[in-house]
Structure formats: C-alpha cells, structure tokens
Amino acid sequence: MSPPSLSETNKVTDPTFRQSIMGWCFKPMDALTLARHAKRIGYSALEGIDRSAYPEVRKMGLEISLVSSHGFRQGPVNPENHAMVEAKLVEAIDVAVQNGAPNVITFTGMREKGIQDETATANCLRCWKRVLPYAESKGITLVLEHLNSVDDSHPMKGHPGYFGDDVHRCVDMVRSMDSRNFRLLFDIYHVQVMHGDLIRHIRLYHDFVGHYHTAGNPGRGELDETQEINYPAVITEIRRTGFDGFLAQEFIPTAENPMASLKHAFQICQG
C-alpha cells in the first residue's frame, strides 16, 4: 500500500500519545524538581534522568518512558563492544521491568576504521539478536536511535562519525530484526538535519517507530518561531498514524525560563 498523499488534510485532534521530557537537557535542575514541573504542566513521564530518581518520580504519578543503556559512542558496530553492549542492554531491560518502563534505548555506535558498512550492519544485527529474545520475554521494546552526523557545533547537537546517521539504514535494520520489540526511535530533529521531508518520512516509516524525540532546528532549541520545523503539522501527522507511544521533548532550552519553554512545547504537541 502506498503512503497517504501529501495533499491529504484530514486532521486528528485527539491526542494518541503521551508526552515525556528528556532530563539531560534541563540540567543542572535535579530530576525531582523537573518532575514536579512536568506534573504541573501535564506531562506523563520523564526519561534521561538518574535511575536513583525513578522511585520518587513514579510516586508523583509520572512514568519512566525510556531507560538508557550503553551510550551512542561505543556500539555493536565493533564486535569488541558486543559483550559490553549486551550486558548494558540486559541490565537496562531489568531496570525497565522493575520501573514499568516500556522502552530501552540502543545505538549503532560510531564508524570505525576498517569496518565497512555491510559488516558494521551485520555486526549490529548479530549483537541485538542475542539480546532480543530476553527483551521479548520481558515485554520490553528496544528502540534504535537515528542521530545526525552533520552538526559539529556542540557534543549533543550532532554526532559526526555516527554509523546510524541514515534513517533509511536504521529502518532497514529494524526490518531485519523482524520483531515488534525492536523499533526505531524517530528523532524529529536529527531526521530533519539529515534528510528533511519529515512528514513523508513519518508516513513511510511509522509502522517501525516505537518512540519520538523533538527539538527545533537549527540549534536543537525550543519548538518556537525561530526554527524551521512546522511542529503543528508534524504532530498532526504523528497522530494520524495512530501512534500510541511516548513523544519526548529533547530540546536544549535557550530561554530565560526553561519551564515556560516546556509548557509551550507541551501545548504545541498536545494540539
């Protein structure tokens, strides 16, 4: 079946996903203070916070939407990293189960000299397939994050040398895993930097998406009029696909009041 035409305008107004906040963007604010703000604004969850804060965050009535694992630099591209990656993923799966979190993040890792793309892909798949049965048995989804390799202005605005910088390659790897428990983490900011054409990519690949991240482009700032992404249209498209997972705000605030920025982003994405 072909994806819907870009001329279709039917709008879905009922929210079908839950909003989360990526905690690292708001440091040095501690996780519990961020959680109180999140609860007041209307967010459902946090992620990217220290695991020691999970119990108190959950007591506030918030969920943990995503558990971190091995990091983006050292990944399964290189077989020498496999033992570490597998151990970190299994540990994160256990933490996710203990805290009612649906997702654990994974990455390809950086390109390495002497490892060609075909070999790097095979290495990644071999590593993930050893962990996947455990994730499936626990009801946890591993989500592979696509990152941009273009922006070198800041260590968290872009990741030059990252192997999974092509969303098409990432989707092909998700397809190869052939499991509902292995999905794509579609980072709207990173896809915009690398490929653009966001709505078309959402329509093409929504069946493979398990989690979304947001941020404005350029600069990974707020979802406001200073950046080029038309977030109301993007969010409408995500709703139209029937997505029912988490969408996490992962912008780096530039405003004097970061919580006002979070409230504004929530309202944009709530529709």
C-alpha atoms as a PDB file:
ATOM      1  CA  MET A   1       0.000   0.000   0.000  1.00  0.00           C
ATOM      2  CA  SER A   2       1.295   3.453  -0.899  1.00  0.00           C
ATOM      3  CA  PRO A   3       1.687   6.049   1.858  1.00  0.00           C
ATOM      4  CA  PRO A   4      -1.047   8.730   2.012  1.00  0.00           C
ATOM      5  CA  SER A   5      -0.733  11.600  -0.412  1.00  0.00           C
ATOM      6  CA  LEU A   6       0.917  14.728   0.920  1.00  0.00           C
ATOM      7  CA  SER A   7      -2.210  16.589  -0.171  1.00  0.00           C
ATOM      8  CA  GLU A   8      -4.415  14.814   2.386  1.00  0.00           C
ATOM      9  CA  THR A   9      -5.605  17.247   5.036  1.00  0.00           C
ATOM     10  CA  ASN A  10      -7.815  15.225   7.398  1.00  0.00           C
ATOM     11  CA  LYS A  11      -6.823  16.212  10.919  1.00  0.00           C
ATOM     12  CA  VAL A  12      -6.797  14.047  14.022  1.00  0.00           C
ATOM     13  CA  THR A  13      -7.301  16.213  17.099  1.00  0.00           C
ATOM     14  CA  ASP A  14      -7.488  13.654  19.911  1.00  0.00           C
ATOM     15  CA  PRO A  15      -4.054  13.002  21.425  1.00  0.00           C
ATOM     16  CA  THR A  16      -2.999   9.397  20.863  1.00  0.00           C
ATOM     17  CA  PHE A  17       0.417   9.569  22.504  1.00  0.00           C
ATOM     18  CA  ARG A  18       1.861  10.588  25.850  1.00  0.00           C
ATOM     19  CA  GLN A  19       4.402  13.360  26.300  1.00  0.00           C
ATOM     20  CA  SER A  20       7.671  12.922  28.162  1.00  0.00           C
ATOM     21  CA  ILE A  21      10.727  15.056  28.960  1.00  0.00           C
ATOM     22  CA  MET A  22      14.371  14.130  28.357  1.00  0.00           C
ATOM     23  CA  GLY A  23      16.031  15.138  31.606  1.00  0.00           C
ATOM     24  CA  TRP A  24      19.608  15.767  30.475  1.00  0.00           C
ATOM     25  CA  CYS A  25      18.511  18.850  28.535  1.00  0.00           C
ATOM     26  CA  PHE A  26      17.462  20.631  31.729  1.00  0.00           C
ATOM     27  CA  LYS A  27      20.488  20.057  33.948  1.00  0.00           C
ATOM     28  CA  PRO A  28      21.613  21.302  36.418  1.00  0.00           C
ATOM     29  CA  MET A  29      17.955  21.089  37.510  1.00  0.00           C
ATOM     30  CA  ASP A  30      17.580  17.897  39.537  1.00  0.00           C
ATOM     31  CA  ALA A  31      15.179  15.173  38.429  1.00  0.00           C
ATOM     32  CA  LEU A  32      12.628  15.641  41.207  1.00  0.00           C
ATOM     33  CA  THR A  33      12.315  19.375  40.618  1.00  0.00           C
ATOM     34  CA  LEU A  34      11.893  18.702  36.904  1.00  0.00           C
ATOM     35  CA  ALA A  35       9.302  16.042  37.705  1.00  0.00           C
ATOM     36  CA  ARG A  36       7.250  18.494  39.776  1.00  0.00           C
ATOM     37  CA  HIS A  37       7.246  20.953  36.878  1.00  0.00           C
ATOM     38  CA  ALA A  38       6.371  18.153  34.452  1.00  0.00           C
ATOM     39  CA  LYS A  39       3.426  17.066  36.572  1.00  0.00           C
ATOM     40  CA  ARG A  40       2.141  20.640  36.862  1.00  0.00           C
ATOM     41  CA  ILE A  41       2.339  21.220  33.104  1.00  0.00           C
ATOM     42  CA  GLY A  42       0.671  17.921  32.219  1.00  0.00           C
ATOM     43  CA  TYR A  43       3.494  15.644  31.059  1.00  0.00           C
ATOM     44  CA  SER A  44       3.080  11.907  31.587  1.00  0.00           C
ATOM     45  CA  ALA A  45       6.689  10.794  32.000  1.00  0.00           C
ATOM     46  CA  LEU A  46      10.399  11.511  32.252  1.00  0.00           C
ATOM     47  CA  GLU A  47      13.442   9.850  30.705  1.00  0.00           C
ATOM     48  CA  GLY A  48      17.162  10.571  30.637  1.00  0.00           C
ATOM     49  CA  ILE A  49      17.320  11.029  34.404  1.00  0.00           C
ATOM     50  CA  ASP A  50      19.378   9.182  37.009  1.00  0.00           C
ATOM     51  CA  ARG A  51      17.886   5.813  37.850  1.00  0.00           C
ATOM     52  CA  SER A  52      18.062   6.600  41.562  1.00  0.00           C
ATOM     53  CA  ALA A  53      15.259   9.121  40.995  1.00  0.00           C
ATOM     54  CA  TYR A  54      12.882   6.630  39.368  1.00  0.00           C
ATOM     55  CA  PRO A  55      11.020   5.570  42.551  1.00  0.00           C
ATOM     56  CA  GLU A  56      10.230   9.129  43.648  1.00  0.00           C
ATOM     57  CA  VAL A  57       9.277  10.205  40.130  1.00  0.00           C
ATOM     58  CA  ARG A  58       6.864   7.284  39.924  1.00  0.00           C
ATOM     59  CA  LYS A  59       5.403   8.154  43.323  1.00  0.00           C
ATOM     60  CA  MET A  60       4.449  11.514  41.824  1.00  0.00           C
ATOM     61  CA  GLY A  61       2.330   9.639  39.292  1.00  0.00           C
ATOM     62  CA  LEU A  62       4.745  10.006  36.377  1.00  0.00           C
ATOM     63  CA  GLU A  63       6.050   7.161  34.239  1.00  0.00           C
ATOM     64  CA  ILE A  64       9.563   6.361  33.061  1.00  0.00           C
ATOM     65  CA  SER A  65       9.228   6.348  29.285  1.00  0.00           C
ATOM     66  CA  LEU A  66      12.721   5.188  28.309  1.00  0.00           C
ATOM     67  CA  VAL A  67      15.702   3.596  30.075  1.00  0.00           C
ATOM     68  CA  SER A  68      19.250   4.395  28.948  1.00  0.00           C
ATOM     69  CA  SER A  69      21.786   1.680  28.208  1.00  0.00           C
ATOM     70  CA  HIS A  70      25.208   1.671  26.526  1.00  0.00           C
ATOM     71  CA  GLY A  71      25.509   5.152  25.031  1.00  0.00           C
ATOM     72  CA  PHE A  72      25.974   6.195  21.417  1.00  0.00           C
ATOM     73  CA  ARG A  73      29.777   6.157  21.067  1.00  0.00           C
ATOM     74  CA  GLN A  74      30.600   2.512  21.740  1.00  0.00           C
ATOM     75  CA  GLY A  75      28.082   0.332  19.981  1.00  0.00           C
ATOM     76  CA  PRO A  76      27.673  -3.017  18.251  1.00  0.00           C
ATOM     77  CA  VAL A  77      29.327  -1.784  15.038  1.00  0.00           C
ATOM     78  CA  ASN A  78      32.507  -3.272  16.538  1.00  0.00           C
ATOM     79  CA  PRO A  79      32.320  -6.875  17.844  1.00  0.00           C
ATOM     80  CA  GLU A  80      34.785  -5.938  20.569  1.00  0.00           C
ATOM     81  CA  ASN A  81      31.935  -3.936  22.126  1.00  0.00           C
ATOM     82  CA  HIS A  82      29.366  -6.721  21.984  1.00  0.00           C
ATOM     83  CA  ALA A  83      29.851  -8.121  25.483  1.00  0.00           C
ATOM     84  CA  MET A  84      29.536  -4.637  26.986  1.00  0.00           C
ATOM     85  CA  VAL A  85      26.538  -3.693  24.835  1.00  0.00           C
ATOM     86  CA  GLU A  86      24.699  -6.920  25.636  1.00  0.00           C
ATOM     87  CA  ALA A  87      25.355  -6.586  29.368  1.00  0.00           C
ATOM     88  CA  LYS A  88      24.200  -2.956  29.400  1.00  0.00           C
ATOM     89  CA  LEU A  89      21.059  -3.776  27.437  1.00  0.00           C
ATOM     90  CA  VAL A  90      20.131  -6.713  29.666  1.00  0.00           C
ATOM     91  CA  GLU A  91      20.708  -4.579  32.751  1.00  0.00           C
ATOM     92  CA  ALA A  92      18.548  -1.798  31.296  1.00  0.00           C
ATOM     93  CA  ILE A  93      15.788  -4.271  30.391  1.00  0.00           C
ATOM     94  CA  ASP A  94      15.700  -5.419  34.022  1.00  0.00           C
ATOM     95  CA  VAL A  95      15.538  -1.804  35.217  1.00  0.00           C
ATOM     96  CA  ALA A  96      12.726  -1.105  32.751  1.00  0.00           C
ATOM     97  CA  VAL A  97      10.726  -4.070  34.041  1.00  0.00           C
ATOM     98  CA  GLN A  98      11.247  -3.011  37.653  1.00  0.00           C
ATOM     99  CA  ASN A  99      10.025   0.502  36.887  1.00  0.00           C
ATOM    100  CA  GLY A 100       7.240  -0.155  34.418  1.00  0.00           C
ATOM    101  CA  ALA A 101       9.110   1.470  31.524  1.00  0.00           C
ATOM    102  CA  PRO A 102       8.223   0.236  28.027  1.00  0.00           C
ATOM    103  CA  ASN A 103      11.453   1.089  26.191  1.00  0.00           C
ATOM    104  CA  VAL A 104      15.225   0.689  26.356  1.00  0.00           C
ATOM    105  CA  ILE A 105      17.371   2.763  24.013  1.00  0.00           C
ATOM    106  CA  THR A 106      20.162   1.374  21.843  1.00  0.00           C
ATOM    107  CA  PHE A 107      22.584   2.852  19.302  1.00  0.00           C
ATOM    108  CA  THR A 108      24.811   1.612  16.489  1.00  0.00           C
ATOM    109  CA  GLY A 109      27.954   3.302  17.785  1.00  0.00           C
ATOM    110  CA  MET A 110      30.486   5.254  15.762  1.00  0.00           C
ATOM    111  CA  ARG A 111      32.038   4.218  12.472  1.00  0.00           C
ATOM    112  CA  GLU A 112      35.398   2.526  12.937  1.00  0.00           C
ATOM    113  CA  LYS A 113      38.338   2.339  10.579  1.00  0.00           C
ATOM    114  CA  GLY A 114      38.445  -0.904   8.631  1.00  0.00           C
ATOM    115  CA  ILE A 115      34.799  -1.851   9.251  1.00  0.00           C
ATOM    116  CA  GLN A 116      32.782  -1.473   6.064  1.00  0.00           C
ATOM    117  CA  ASP A 117      29.082  -0.589   6.126  1.00  0.00           C
ATOM    118  CA  GLU A 118      27.850  -4.086   5.265  1.00  0.00           C
ATOM    119  CA  THR A 119      29.997  -5.618   8.006  1.00  0.00           C
ATOM    120  CA  ALA A 120      29.003  -2.930  10.504  1.00  0.00           C
ATOM    121  CA  THR A 121      25.331  -3.635   9.831  1.00  0.00           C
ATOM    122  CA  ALA A 122      25.810  -7.382  10.244  1.00  0.00           C
ATOM    123  CA  ASN A 123      27.707  -6.815  13.492  1.00  0.00           C
ATOM    124  CA  CYS A 124      24.888  -4.692  14.895  1.00  0.00           C
ATOM    125  CA  LEU A 125      22.200  -7.188  13.972  1.00  0.00           C
ATOM    126  CA  ARG A 126      24.134 -10.111  15.404  1.00  0.00           C
ATOM    127  CA  CYS A 127      24.554  -8.349  18.736  1.00  0.00           C
ATOM    128  CA  TRP A 128      20.951  -7.184  19.026  1.00  0.00           C
ATOM    129  CA  LYS A 129      19.572 -10.589  18.055  1.00  0.00           C
ATOM    130  CA  ARG A 130      21.316 -12.127  21.052  1.00  0.00           C
ATOM    131  CA  VAL A 131      19.531  -9.688  23.382  1.00  0.00           C
ATOM    132  CA  LEU A 132      16.163  -9.500  21.636  1.00  0.00           C
ATOM    133  CA  PRO A 133      14.701 -12.768  22.986  1.00  0.00           C
ATOM    134  CA  TYR A 134      15.273 -11.514  26.518  1.00  0.00           C
ATOM    135  CA  ALA A 135      13.578  -8.186  25.704  1.00  0.00           C
ATOM    136  CA  GLU A 136      10.658 -10.057  24.136  1.00  0.00           C
ATOM    137  CA  SER A 137      10.291 -12.340  27.155  1.00  0.00           C
ATOM    138  CA  LYS A 138      10.109  -9.292  29.435  1.00  0.00           C
ATOM    139  CA  GLY A 139       7.766  -7.274  27.212  1.00  0.00           C
ATOM    140  CA  ILE A 140      10.329  -4.520  26.650  1.00  0.00           C
ATOM    141  CA  THR A 141      10.973  -2.754  23.346  1.00  0.00           C
ATOM    142  CA  LEU A 142      14.495  -1.880  22.230  1.00  0.00           C
ATOM    143  CA  VAL A 143      14.453   1.396  20.280  1.00  0.00           C
ATOM    144  CA  LEU A 144      17.296   2.260  17.921  1.00  0.00           C
ATOM    145  CA  GLU A 145      18.004   5.973  17.756  1.00  0.00           C
ATOM    146  CA  HIS A 146      18.925   7.636  14.482  1.00  0.00           C
ATOM    147  CA  LEU A 147      21.335  10.577  15.043  1.00  0.00           C
ATOM    148  CA  ASN A 148      22.644  13.283  12.741  1.00  0.00           C
ATOM    149  CA  SER A 149      26.343  13.331  11.838  1.00  0.00           C
ATOM    150  CA  VAL A 150      26.313  16.861  10.380  1.00  0.00           C
ATOM    151  CA  ASP A 151      26.222  19.349  13.266  1.00  0.00           C
ATOM    152  CA  ASP A 152      29.637  19.563  14.918  1.00  0.00           C
ATOM    153  CA  SER A 153      28.921  22.752  16.886  1.00  0.00           C
ATOM    154  CA  HIS A 154      28.101  21.037  20.192  1.00  0.00           C
ATOM    155  CA  PRO A 155      28.640  17.489  21.513  1.00  0.00           C
ATOM    156  CA  MET A 156      24.887  16.892  21.820  1.00  0.00           C
ATOM    157  CA  LYS A 157      23.645  18.747  18.749  1.00  0.00           C
ATOM    158  CA  GLY A 158      25.263  16.334  16.299  1.00  0.00           C
ATOM    159  CA  HIS A 159      27.442  13.252  16.285  1.00  0.00           C
ATOM    160  CA  PRO A 160      29.982  13.233  13.423  1.00  0.00           C
ATOM    161  CA  GLY A 161      31.016   9.680  12.654  1.00  0.00           C
ATOM    162  CA  TYR A 162      27.851   8.000  13.964  1.00  0.00           C
ATOM    163  CA  PHE A 163      27.063   4.917  11.865  1.00  0.00           C
ATOM    164  CA  GLY A 164      23.271   5.110  12.237  1.00  0.00           C
ATOM    165  CA  ASP A 165      23.028   8.567  10.661  1.00  0.00           C
ATOM    166  CA  ASP A 166      20.831   7.418   7.760  1.00  0.00           C
ATOM    167  CA  VAL A 167      17.221   6.853   8.805  1.00  0.00           C
ATOM    168  CA  HIS A 168      16.707   4.508   5.843  1.00  0.00           C
ATOM    169  CA  ARG A 169      19.568   2.300   7.030  1.00  0.00           C
ATOM    170  CA  CYS A 170      18.135   2.333  10.557  1.00  0.00           C
ATOM    171  CA  VAL A 171      14.703   1.285   9.300  1.00  0.00           C
ATOM    172  CA  ASP A 172      16.292  -1.481   7.234  1.00  0.00           C
ATOM    173  CA  MET A 173      17.962  -2.763  10.412  1.00  0.00           C
ATOM    174  CA  VAL A 174      14.650  -2.624  12.267  1.00  0.00           C
ATOM    175  CA  ARG A 175      13.050  -4.583   9.423  1.00  0.00           C
ATOM    176  CA  SER A 176      15.831  -7.161   9.600  1.00  0.00           C
ATOM    177  CA  MET A 177      15.222  -7.651  13.326  1.00  0.00           C
ATOM    178  CA  ASP A 178      11.631  -8.616  12.442  1.00  0.00           C
ATOM    179  CA  SER A 179      10.146  -8.079  15.902  1.00  0.00           C
ATOM    180  CA  ARG A 180       7.594  -5.742  17.444  1.00  0.00           C
ATOM    181  CA  ASN A 181      10.074  -5.457  20.309  1.00  0.00           C
ATOM    182  CA  PHE A 182      12.716  -3.758  18.159  1.00  0.00           C
ATOM    183  CA  ARG A 183      11.665  -0.363  16.812  1.00  0.00           C
ATOM    184  CA  LEU A 184      13.045   2.949  15.558  1.00  0.00           C
ATOM    185  CA  LEU A 185      13.480   5.961  17.806  1.00  0.00           C
ATOM    186  CA  PHE A 186      12.473   8.667  15.326  1.00  0.00           C
ATOM    187  CA  ASP A 187      14.199  11.838  16.489  1.00  0.00           C
ATOM    188  CA  ILE A 188      12.446  14.613  14.579  1.00  0.00           C
ATOM    189  CA  TYR A 189      15.387  16.991  14.975  1.00  0.00           C
ATOM    190  CA  HIS A 190      18.003  14.508  13.765  1.00  0.00           C
ATOM    191  CA  VAL A 191      15.880  13.366  10.813  1.00  0.00           C
ATOM    192  CA  GLN A 192      15.344  16.983   9.805  1.00  0.00           C
ATOM    193  CA  VAL A 193      19.087  17.684   9.857  1.00  0.00           C
ATOM    194  CA  MET A 194      19.989  14.581   7.849  1.00  0.00           C
ATOM    195  CA  HIS A 195      17.043  14.228   5.472  1.00  0.00           C
ATOM    196  CA  GLY A 196      14.280  16.815   5.921  1.00  0.00           C
ATOM    197  CA  ASP A 197      10.904  15.880   4.385  1.00  0.00           C
ATOM    198  CA  LEU A 198       9.647  14.923   7.846  1.00  0.00           C
ATOM    199  CA  ILE A 199       6.008  14.222   7.080  1.00  0.00           C
ATOM    200  CA  ARG A 200       6.862  11.945   4.177  1.00  0.00           C
ATOM    201  CA  HIS A 201       9.316  10.008   6.356  1.00  0.00           C
ATOM    202  CA  ILE A 202       6.741   9.675   9.143  1.00  0.00           C
ATOM    203  CA  ARG A 203       4.212   8.333   6.636  1.00  0.00           C
ATOM    204  CA  LEU A 204       6.729   5.908   5.171  1.00  0.00           C
ATOM    205  CA  TYR A 205       8.121   4.576   8.428  1.00  0.00           C
ATOM    206  CA  HIS A 206       5.512   4.994  11.160  1.00  0.00           C
ATOM    207  CA  ASP A 207       4.948   1.230  11.335  1.00  0.00           C
ATOM    208  CA  PHE A 208       8.555   0.868  12.539  1.00  0.00           C
ATOM    209  CA  VAL A 209       8.548   3.703  15.102  1.00  0.00           C
ATOM    210  CA  GLY A 210       8.447   2.978  18.828  1.00  0.00           C
ATOM    211  CA  HIS A 211       9.343   6.404  20.256  1.00  0.00           C
ATOM    212  CA  TYR A 212       9.724  10.025  19.129  1.00  0.00           C
ATOM    213  CA  HIS A 213      12.045  12.838  20.238  1.00  0.00           C
ATOM    214  CA  THR A 214      11.585  16.540  19.489  1.00  0.00           C
ATOM    215  CA  ALA A 215      13.741  19.666  19.173  1.00  0.00           C
ATOM    216  CA  GLY A 216      13.858  22.718  16.976  1.00  0.00           C
ATOM    217  CA  ASN A 217      16.221  23.079  14.054  1.00  0.00           C
ATOM    218  CA  PRO A 218      18.679  24.686  13.622  1.00  0.00           C
ATOM    219  CA  GLY A 219      20.348  24.561  17.006  1.00  0.00           C
ATOM    220  CA  ARG A 220      18.286  21.937  18.850  1.00  0.00           C
ATOM    221  CA  GLY A 221      16.429  24.719  20.656  1.00  0.00           C
ATOM    222  CA  GLU A 222      12.798  25.316  21.541  1.00  0.00           C
ATOM    223  CA  LEU A 223       9.809  24.448  19.382  1.00  0.00           C
ATOM    224  CA  ASP A 224       9.187  28.091  18.511  1.00  0.00           C
ATOM    225  CA  GLU A 225       9.107  30.581  15.636  1.00  0.00           C
ATOM    226  CA  THR A 226      12.922  30.808  15.469  1.00  0.00           C
ATOM    227  CA  GLN A 227      13.281  27.362  13.933  1.00  0.00           C
ATOM    228  CA  GLU A 228      12.235  25.764  10.659  1.00  0.00           C
ATOM    229  CA  ILE A 229      10.195  22.696  11.663  1.00  0.00           C
ATOM    230  CA  ASN A 230       6.419  23.137  11.421  1.00  0.00           C
ATOM    231  CA  TYR A 231       5.671  21.188  14.590  1.00  0.00           C
ATOM    232  CA  PRO A 232       1.867  21.501  14.497  1.00  0.00           C
ATOM    233  CA  ALA A 233       1.846  19.806  11.088  1.00  0.00           C
ATOM    234  CA  VAL A 234       4.373  17.159  12.168  1.00  0.00           C
ATOM    235  CA  ILE A 235       2.413  16.356  15.327  1.00  0.00           C
ATOM    236  CA  THR A 236      -0.838  16.143  13.386  1.00  0.00           C
ATOM    237  CA  GLU A 237       0.806  13.592  11.096  1.00  0.00           C
ATOM    238  CA  ILE A 238       2.082  11.527  14.017  1.00  0.00           C
ATOM    239  CA  ARG A 239      -1.434  11.466  15.457  1.00  0.00           C
ATOM    240  CA  ARG A 240      -2.845  10.493  12.085  1.00  0.00           C
ATOM    241  CA  THR A 241      -0.681   7.372  12.084  1.00  0.00           C
ATOM    242  CA  GLY A 242      -2.314   6.197  15.320  1.00  0.00           C
ATOM    243  CA  PHE A 243       0.933   6.284  17.271  1.00  0.00           C
ATOM    244  CA  ASP A 244       0.202   5.488  20.931  1.00  0.00           C
ATOM    245  CA  GLY A 245       3.681   5.538  22.497  1.00  0.00           C
ATOM    246  CA  PHE A 246       5.712   8.371  24.009  1.00  0.00           C
ATOM    247  CA  LEU A 247       6.897  11.602  22.418  1.00  0.00           C
ATOM    248  CA  ALA A 248       9.701  13.161  24.484  1.00  0.00           C
ATOM    249  CA  GLN A 249      10.808  16.794  24.440  1.00  0.00           C
ATOM    250  CA  GLU A 250      14.585  16.778  23.911  1.00  0.00           C
ATOM    251  CA  PHE A 251      15.361  20.381  23.092  1.00  0.00           C
ATOM    252  CA  ILE A 252      18.142  22.370  24.733  1.00  0.00           C
ATOM    253  CA  PRO A 253      16.415  25.429  26.220  1.00  0.00           C
ATOM    254  CA  THR A 254      17.735  28.868  25.379  1.00  0.00           C
ATOM    255  CA  ALA A 255      15.030  30.975  27.043  1.00  0.00           C
ATOM    256  CA  GLU A 256      15.435  32.605  30.433  1.00  0.00           C
ATOM    257  CA  ASN A 257      12.598  30.423  31.760  1.00  0.00           C
ATOM    258  CA  PRO A 258      13.085  26.818  30.544  1.00  0.00           C
ATOM    259  CA  MET A 259       9.824  25.714  32.168  1.00  0.00           C
ATOM    260  CA  ALA A 260       7.904  28.230  30.082  1.00  0.00           C
ATOM    261  CA  SER A 261       9.560  26.625  27.054  1.00  0.00           C
ATOM    262  CA  LEU A 262       8.460  23.188  28.257  1.00  0.00           C
ATOM    263  CA  LYS A 263       4.896  24.384  28.721  1.00  0.00           C
ATOM    264  CA  HIS A 264       4.887  25.929  25.251  1.00  0.00           C
ATOM    265  CA  ALA A 265       6.226  22.703  23.709  1.00  0.00           C
ATOM    266  CA  PHE A 266       3.620  20.659  25.582  1.00  0.00           C
ATOM    267  CA  GLN A 267       0.817  22.828  24.272  1.00  0.00           C
ATOM    268  CA  ILE A 268       2.089  22.629  20.697  1.00  0.00           C
ATOM    269  CA  CYS A 269       2.287  18.850  20.830  1.00  0.00           C
ATOM    270  CA  GLN A 270      -0.980  18.438  22.710  1.00  0.00           C
ATOM    271  CA  GLY A 271      -2.819  20.138  19.887  1.00  0.00           C
END
